[in-house]
Amino acid sequence: MEQRINRIKVVLAEKQRTNKWLAENLGREYSTISKWCTNTNQPDLITLTKIAHLLEVDIRELLVSGRPTLKDSDFTSGNK
């Protein structure tokens, strides 16, 4: 199970917007947005800022609050 890092899917639902709408407004592929919404991949900070602007929310609302739990493998998978 993937760790939840962002709340993009939740905020889209709260704002009654869709992945398709976000993809069109960001000029990104639908599949990319889908990966962000399932926390399979994460947007970079610039993109996260753009998402917050489009959804008219504070960027912090797009992130899961609290201290993340990471495994040792999260630090060693190709980041040497």
Protein backbone atom coordinates (compact mmCIF):
# COMPACT_ATOMS: atom_id res chain seq x y z
CA MET A 1 0.00 0.00 0.00
CA GLU A 2 1.31 3.43 -0.97
CA GLN A 3 1.85 6.04 1.69
CA ARG A 4 -0.55 8.96 1.48
CA ILE A 5 1.46 12.14 1.01
CA ASN A 6 -0.96 14.41 -0.80
CA ARG A 7 -4.68 15.12 -0.60
CA ILE A 8 -5.19 16.17 -4.22
CA LYS A 9 -8.00 13.66 -4.80
CA VAL A 10 -9.84 14.81 -1.66
CA VAL A 11 -9.52 18.50 -2.47
CA LEU A 12 -10.65 17.93 -6.07
CA ALA A 13 -13.77 16.23 -4.72
CA GLU A 14 -14.37 19.03 -2.20
CA LYS A 15 -14.12 21.58 -5.00
CA GLN A 16 -16.29 19.44 -7.29
CA ARG A 17 -13.53 19.18 -9.87
CA THR A 18 -12.25 16.14 -11.75
CA ASN A 19 -8.87 14.69 -12.67
CA LYS A 20 -9.70 15.56 -16.27
CA TRP A 21 -10.32 19.20 -15.36
CA LEU A 22 -6.99 19.38 -13.52
CA ALA A 23 -5.13 17.71 -16.39
CA GLU A 24 -6.58 20.17 -18.90
CA ASN A 25 -5.79 23.20 -16.73
CA LEU A 26 -2.22 22.08 -16.03
CA GLY A 27 -1.55 20.84 -19.57
CA ARG A 28 -0.68 17.38 -18.20
CA GLU A 29 -1.74 13.86 -19.14
CA TYR A 30 -4.75 12.42 -17.34
CA SER A 31 -2.62 9.43 -16.30
CA THR A 32 -0.18 11.74 -14.51
CA ILE A 33 -2.98 13.34 -12.50
CA SER A 34 -4.34 9.89 -11.69
CA LYS A 35 -0.96 8.83 -10.28
CA TRP A 36 -0.87 11.93 -8.10
CA CYS A 37 -4.42 11.28 -6.86
CA THR A 38 -3.53 7.72 -5.88
CA ASN A 39 -0.22 8.82 -4.35
CA THR A 40 1.69 6.54 -6.73
CA ASN A 41 3.75 9.56 -7.81
CA GLN A 42 3.98 13.09 -6.46
CA PRO A 43 3.97 16.46 -8.21
CA ASP A 44 6.95 18.75 -7.72
CA LEU A 45 6.56 21.85 -5.53
CA ILE A 46 6.06 24.23 -8.46
CA THR A 47 3.24 22.06 -9.78
CA LEU A 48 1.75 21.70 -6.31
CA THR A 49 1.70 25.50 -6.10
CA LYS A 50 -0.11 25.69 -9.45
CA ILE A 51 -2.66 23.11 -8.26
CA ALA A 52 -3.30 25.11 -5.10
CA HIS A 53 -3.81 28.24 -7.20
CA LEU A 54 -6.22 26.50 -9.58
CA LEU A 55 -8.22 25.03 -6.71
CA GLU A 56 -8.05 28.28 -4.73
CA VAL A 57 -6.67 26.63 -1.60
CA ASP A 58 -3.64 27.05 0.61
CA ILE A 59 -0.92 24.68 -0.57
CA ARG A 60 -0.92 23.07 2.88
CA GLU A 61 -4.43 21.77 2.22
CA LEU A 62 -2.97 19.58 -0.52
CA LEU A 63 -0.63 17.78 1.86
CA VAL A 64 -1.30 15.15 4.49
CA SER A 65 -0.36 16.68 7.84
CA GLY A 66 1.75 14.95 10.42
CA ARG A 67 5.10 13.29 10.47
CA PRO A 68 5.66 10.88 7.57
CA THR A 69 6.66 7.31 8.23
CA LEU A 70 9.49 6.19 5.98
CA LYS A 71 11.21 2.86 5.58
CA ASP A 72 14.97 2.47 5.24
CA SER A 73 14.41 1.48 1.60
CA ASP A 74 12.89 4.91 0.93
CA PHE A 75 16.36 6.37 1.49
CA THR A 76 18.37 3.80 -0.45
CA SER A 77 16.40 3.27 -3.66
CA GLY A 78 18.71 4.97 -6.14
CA ASN A 79 19.33 8.12 -4.12
CA LYS A 80 23.05 7.65 -3.51
